[in-house]
Amino acid sequence: MQFEFDWVDAFSESVFGGNGCAVVHEGADVSDDVCMAYVRETSLVECTFTGPSEVADIRVRYFLASREIPFAGHPTIATVAALRARGSVQDGPLTLETQAGIIPVEVSGAQVKMTQIAPEFGPEVPVGLVAAVGGIRTEDIIAPPQIVSTGLPFCVTVLKDRTTLGNLQFDVTALQALCAHLGQQDDNMMEPFWVTLSGATPSGDTFSRLLLAPPSPPEDAFTGSATGAMASYLWARGLIDQPDFTAEQGHGMGRPGSAQVRVLGPRYAITGVEVSGHGAIVMSGTVNLPRSL
């Protein structure tokens, strides 16, 4: 069957920046196997498939090459930017049905602001296990790594400087040991989200990287869901002075991206995280997908 699609670079005002996502319109009923095969075909980290919803304005399904996930940040920006470019939605408030719950969104042209759910703070993780995943020393990590989720869990890990961030060397075996410690069967869901408390540019406040396990590409250019988890962690632990800041990612890949972030609520009772960014349409057309394999 034929479906309309848009390929969107999220968290960037221009093409070839930020993180790409292919949005398949009205494809939410396609089988999981087809959705995952499509992600592999694009060589992107994630793709989305939209459809009608009985509880929100639009239903969105999010897929990696290996599985469906409940929520993801940059695909949310990409999906709404694609819908806005097609005239399917207008400027103003919008709600998305996801497996992580109803996500409120505010649309203003190519700029999209999503409100991620209140964070869930999981266990702290032994610093030695996390350091081994990045091939760094334990003293390069300046705060206790912790599992945090605002819709999708990440191991938030704060590094001492940008040099350490740039020198990370991903170790899949060490990631498997980390996942085993957490009781996580799959090793492509709990990669550390590495962050430094200085931007990649003078206008940035944080700079992050997310190195990925196969079958995903080696690195994510901009990770909106992890940015929300990271912001919650930094605010709750007093590592940032203000709840508003500019997050940057992807510059070392030649795909610079940025988001405006606001943590909602006091440090001890965060109610959500606003993450805002632009989406730039790279290409549009039709894709031929079977309903199932």
Protein backbone atom coordinates (compact mmCIF):
# COMPACT_ATOMS: atom_id res chain seq x y z
CA MET A 1 0.00 0.00 0.00
CA GLN A 2 1.08 3.58 -0.59
CA PHE A 3 1.55 6.01 2.28
CA GLU A 4 2.57 9.65 2.26
CA PHE A 5 5.78 10.39 4.16
CA ASP A 6 7.95 13.34 5.18
CA TRP A 7 11.63 13.14 6.13
CA VAL A 8 12.26 15.82 8.75
CA ASP A 9 15.41 17.05 10.46
CA ALA A 10 14.34 17.80 14.04
CA PHE A 11 15.92 20.29 16.42
CA SER A 12 17.33 22.21 13.47
CA GLU A 13 16.10 25.27 11.56
CA SER A 14 17.75 24.03 8.36
CA VAL A 15 18.15 20.69 6.60
CA PHE A 16 21.14 18.43 7.33
CA GLY A 17 21.23 19.48 10.98
CA GLY A 18 19.72 17.96 14.09
CA ASN A 19 18.27 14.45 13.92
CA GLY A 20 16.36 12.97 11.01
CA CYS A 21 13.06 11.12 11.26
CA ALA A 22 10.79 9.73 8.55
CA VAL A 23 7.11 10.30 9.34
CA VAL A 24 4.70 7.84 7.69
CA HIS A 25 1.25 9.41 7.66
CA GLU A 26 -1.76 7.20 8.47
CA GLY A 27 0.57 4.24 8.89
CA ALA A 28 -0.20 3.40 12.52
CA ASP A 29 -1.95 0.16 11.58
CA VAL A 30 1.04 -1.26 9.71
CA SER A 31 2.52 -4.30 11.46
CA ASP A 32 5.44 -4.01 13.84
CA ASP A 33 7.70 -6.05 11.55
CA VAL A 34 7.06 -3.71 8.62
CA CYS A 35 7.65 -0.62 10.77
CA MET A 36 10.99 -1.96 12.01
CA ALA A 37 12.01 -3.00 8.50
CA TYR A 38 11.23 0.51 7.30
CA VAL A 39 13.45 2.03 9.99
CA ARG A 40 16.28 -0.27 8.90
CA GLU A 41 15.66 0.70 5.27
CA THR A 42 16.05 4.41 6.10
CA SER A 43 19.18 3.87 8.28
CA LEU A 44 17.64 6.36 10.71
CA VAL A 45 17.49 5.81 14.45
CA GLU A 46 13.70 6.18 14.64
CA CYS A 47 10.62 6.61 12.46
CA THR A 48 7.02 7.42 13.35
CA PHE A 49 3.68 6.19 12.08
CA THR A 50 0.57 8.31 12.64
CA GLY A 51 -3.13 7.57 12.79
CA PRO A 52 -6.44 8.66 14.26
CA SER A 53 -6.98 8.68 18.03
CA GLU A 54 -10.04 8.44 20.23
CA VAL A 55 -8.33 10.11 23.19
CA ALA A 56 -6.12 12.78 21.57
CA ASP A 57 -5.83 14.74 18.33
CA ILE A 58 -3.39 12.29 16.72
CA ARG A 59 -1.94 8.88 17.52
CA VAL A 60 1.81 8.43 17.09
CA ARG A 61 3.77 5.17 17.15
CA TYR A 62 7.55 5.29 17.54
CA PHE A 63 9.89 2.61 16.20
CA LEU A 64 13.57 1.79 16.41
CA ALA A 65 15.11 -0.74 14.05
CA SER A 66 14.63 -3.37 16.76
CA ARG A 67 11.34 -2.54 18.54
CA GLU A 68 8.52 -0.15 19.21
CA ILE A 69 9.20 2.33 22.00
CA PRO A 70 6.64 4.31 24.02
CA PHE A 71 7.92 7.80 23.23
CA ALA A 72 10.80 9.69 21.65
CA GLY A 73 11.63 13.37 21.54
CA HIS A 74 13.06 14.24 18.16
CA PRO A 75 10.44 12.13 16.32
CA THR A 76 7.73 14.08 18.15
CA ILE A 77 9.16 17.35 16.87
CA ALA A 78 9.51 15.85 13.39
CA THR A 79 5.99 14.41 13.32
CA VAL A 80 4.27 17.63 14.35
CA ALA A 81 6.45 19.74 12.03
CA ALA A 82 5.48 17.43 9.15
CA LEU A 83 1.78 17.66 10.00
CA ARG A 84 2.02 21.44 10.22
CA ALA A 85 3.81 21.70 6.86
CA ARG A 86 1.02 19.65 5.25
CA GLY A 87 -1.68 21.79 6.84
CA SER A 88 -3.04 18.79 8.76
CA VAL A 89 -2.72 20.78 12.00
CA GLN A 90 -2.65 24.50 12.69
CA ASP A 91 -0.74 26.69 15.10
CA GLY A 92 -1.82 26.30 18.69
CA PRO A 93 -2.27 23.44 21.18
CA LEU A 94 -2.30 19.80 20.10
CA THR A 95 -2.36 16.46 21.91
CA LEU A 96 -0.60 13.25 20.87
CA GLU A 97 -1.58 9.76 21.96
CA THR A 98 1.59 7.77 22.72
CA GLN A 99 2.34 4.64 24.71
CA ALA A 100 3.85 6.95 27.34
CA GLY A 101 0.54 8.80 27.73
CA ILE A 102 -1.00 11.94 26.25
CA ILE A 103 1.72 14.41 25.22
CA PRO A 104 0.65 18.09 25.03
CA VAL A 105 2.24 20.01 22.17
CA GLU A 106 2.24 23.68 21.18
CA VAL A 107 2.72 24.47 17.47
CA SER A 108 4.04 27.72 16.02
CA GLY A 109 4.99 27.27 12.38
CA ALA A 110 8.03 25.02 12.17
CA GLN A 111 8.65 25.33 15.92
CA VAL A 112 7.18 22.68 18.18
CA LYS A 113 7.10 22.64 21.98
CA MET A 114 6.27 19.35 23.71
CA THR A 115 5.63 18.88 27.40
CA GLN A 116 7.16 15.62 28.56
CA ILE A 117 5.64 13.85 31.55
CA ALA A 118 6.92 14.21 35.11
CA PRO A 119 10.22 12.38 35.57
CA GLU A 120 10.56 8.97 37.15
CA PHE A 121 13.86 8.73 39.00
CA GLY A 122 15.16 5.18 38.97
CA PRO A 123 18.22 3.65 40.61
CA GLU A 124 21.66 5.15 40.73
CA VAL A 125 24.16 3.07 38.77
CA PRO A 126 27.70 2.17 39.91
CA VAL A 127 30.03 4.72 38.38
CA GLY A 128 32.57 2.08 37.35
CA LEU A 129 30.03 0.22 35.23
CA VAL A 130 29.02 3.41 33.44
CA ALA A 131 32.58 4.67 32.93
CA ALA A 132 33.49 1.37 31.27
CA VAL A 133 30.73 1.83 28.66
CA GLY A 134 32.39 5.03 27.49
CA GLY A 135 35.99 3.92 27.94
CA ILE A 136 36.67 6.68 30.48
CA ARG A 137 37.88 6.91 34.08
CA THR A 138 35.51 6.98 37.03
CA GLU A 139 36.88 10.39 38.03
CA ASP A 140 35.70 11.78 34.68
CA ILE A 141 32.11 11.45 35.96
CA ILE A 142 31.22 14.25 38.39
CA ALA A 143 27.79 13.15 39.69
CA PRO A 144 26.18 9.76 40.41
CA PRO A 145 24.79 8.25 37.19
CA GLN A 146 21.06 7.59 37.50
CA ILE A 147 18.24 6.09 35.45
CA VAL A 148 15.71 8.83 34.68
CA SER A 149 12.66 8.77 32.41
CA THR A 150 10.27 11.40 31.10
CA GLY A 151 8.72 8.81 28.80
CA LEU A 152 11.80 6.74 27.95
CA PRO A 153 14.56 5.76 30.43
CA PHE A 154 18.17 6.83 30.09
CA CYS A 155 21.24 6.56 32.30
CA VAL A 156 22.03 10.25 32.78
CA THR A 157 25.79 10.71 33.24
CA VAL A 158 27.47 14.08 33.82
CA LEU A 159 31.07 14.42 32.61
CA LYS A 160 33.70 16.86 33.81
CA ASP A 161 34.43 18.54 30.46
CA ARG A 162 33.89 18.56 26.71
CA THR A 163 37.25 16.87 26.05
CA THR A 164 36.07 13.80 27.93
CA LEU A 165 32.78 13.93 26.03
CA GLY A 166 34.63 13.99 22.71
CA ASN A 167 36.92 11.11 23.69
CA LEU A 168 34.18 8.59 24.51
CA GLN A 169 34.75 5.12 23.05
CA PHE A 170 31.65 2.93 23.12
CA ASP A 171 32.12 -0.57 24.59
CA VAL A 172 29.22 -2.92 23.81
CA THR A 173 30.47 -5.59 26.24
CA ALA A 174 30.51 -3.04 29.06
CA LEU A 175 26.99 -1.97 28.11
CA GLN A 176 25.86 -5.58 28.40
CA ALA A 177 27.33 -5.68 31.92
CA LEU A 178 25.49 -2.46 32.78
CA CYS A 179 22.21 -3.86 31.46
CA ALA A 180 22.73 -7.10 33.38
CA HIS A 181 23.22 -5.09 36.59
CA LEU A 182 19.93 -3.29 35.90
CA GLY A 183 18.10 -6.50 35.01
CA GLN A 184 17.63 -5.20 31.46
CA GLN A 185 17.60 -8.01 28.91
CA ASP A 186 18.23 -5.88 25.83
CA ASP A 187 21.42 -3.88 25.39
CA ASN A 188 20.10 -1.22 23.02
CA MET A 189 17.76 0.58 25.41
CA MET A 190 19.83 1.81 28.35
CA GLU A 191 22.86 3.49 26.79
CA PRO A 192 24.27 6.30 28.96
CA PHE A 193 23.27 9.83 27.98
CA TRP A 194 26.51 11.74 28.44
CA VAL A 195 26.30 15.47 29.21
CA THR A 196 28.63 18.33 30.07
CA LEU A 197 27.63 21.56 31.79
CA SER A 198 28.90 23.78 28.97
CA GLY A 199 27.59 24.17 25.45
CA ALA A 200 29.13 23.27 22.13
CA THR A 201 28.67 26.95 21.15
CA PRO A 202 28.61 30.18 23.20
CA SER A 203 24.80 30.13 23.14
CA GLY A 204 24.54 26.63 24.61
CA ASP A 205 24.36 25.62 28.27
CA THR A 206 24.75 21.84 27.96
CA PHE A 207 26.34 19.58 25.35
CA SER A 208 25.46 15.89 25.11
CA ARG A 209 26.12 12.67 23.24
CA LEU A 210 24.27 9.37 22.96
CA LEU A 211 26.28 6.45 21.57
CA LEU A 212 24.06 3.59 20.43
CA ALA A 213 24.23 -0.19 20.29
CA PRO A 214 23.46 -2.12 17.11
CA PRO A 215 21.22 -2.39 15.14
CA SER A 216 20.86 1.38 15.56
CA PRO A 217 23.40 3.75 13.95
CA PRO A 218 26.51 4.38 16.11
CA GLU A 219 25.36 7.75 17.48
CA ASP A 220 22.17 9.77 17.85
CA ALA A 221 22.38 13.32 16.55
CA PHE A 222 19.84 14.83 18.96
CA THR A 223 17.86 13.00 21.61
CA GLY A 224 14.80 14.93 22.78
CA SER A 225 13.50 12.35 25.25
CA ALA A 226 16.92 12.04 26.91
CA THR A 227 17.16 15.83 27.03
CA GLY A 228 14.01 15.91 29.16
CA ALA A 229 15.38 13.22 31.48
CA MET A 230 18.73 15.01 31.68
CA ALA A 231 17.07 18.36 32.46
CA SER A 232 15.08 16.78 35.29
CA TYR A 233 18.23 15.22 36.74
CA LEU A 234 20.24 18.45 36.60
CA TRP A 235 17.46 20.54 38.14
CA ALA A 236 16.63 18.02 40.89
CA ARG A 237 20.29 17.71 41.90
CA GLY A 238 21.02 21.43 41.88
CA LEU A 239 23.52 21.17 39.02
CA ILE A 240 21.88 24.05 37.11
CA ASP A 241 20.90 27.40 38.66
CA GLN A 242 17.86 28.05 36.46
CA PRO A 243 15.21 25.69 35.07
CA ASP A 244 15.51 27.27 31.60
CA PHE A 245 18.48 26.49 29.37
CA THR A 246 19.67 25.69 25.86
CA ALA A 247 20.67 22.07 25.22
CA GLU A 248 23.01 21.22 22.33
CA GLN A 249 23.92 17.90 20.69
CA GLY A 250 25.21 16.55 17.39
CA HIS A 251 27.93 19.13 16.69
CA GLY A 252 30.70 16.53 16.67
CA MET A 253 28.78 14.63 13.99
CA GLY A 254 28.42 17.67 11.76
CA ARG A 255 24.68 17.73 12.56
CA PRO A 256 24.31 20.53 15.11
CA GLY A 257 21.02 20.61 16.98
CA SER A 258 19.60 22.67 19.82
CA ALA A 259 16.54 22.74 22.03
CA GLN A 260 15.06 25.26 24.43
CA VAL A 261 14.34 23.45 27.69
CA ARG A 262 12.27 24.40 30.74
CA VAL A 263 11.83 22.18 33.79
CA LEU A 264 8.40 22.71 35.36
CA GLY A 265 7.98 22.78 39.12
CA PRO A 266 10.40 23.02 42.05
CA ARG A 267 13.48 20.84 42.30
CA TYR A 268 11.78 18.46 44.74
CA ALA A 269 8.49 18.13 42.81
CA ILE A 270 9.02 18.38 39.04
CA THR A 271 5.75 18.19 37.13
CA GLY A 272 7.06 17.97 33.57
CA VAL A 273 9.64 19.26 31.10
CA GLU A 274 9.08 21.50 28.10
CA VAL A 275 11.41 20.77 25.18
CA SER A 276 11.12 23.03 22.15
CA GLY A 277 12.77 22.83 18.73
CA HIS A 278 12.34 23.37 15.01
CA GLY A 279 11.76 20.85 12.24
CA ALA A 280 13.08 21.22 8.67
CA ILE A 281 11.49 19.16 5.88
CA VAL A 282 14.18 17.38 3.83
CA MET A 283 12.01 15.40 1.42
CA SER A 284 8.42 14.27 0.95
CA GLY A 285 6.73 11.61 -1.15
CA THR A 286 5.11 8.19 -1.06
CA VAL A 287 6.38 4.92 0.30
CA ASN A 288 5.16 1.44 -0.62
CA LEU A 289 4.68 -0.70 2.47
CA PRO A 290 2.84 -3.98 2.96
CA ARG A 291 0.50 -4.17 5.92
CA SER A 292 2.53 -7.09 7.24
CA LEU A 293 5.52 -9.26 6.33
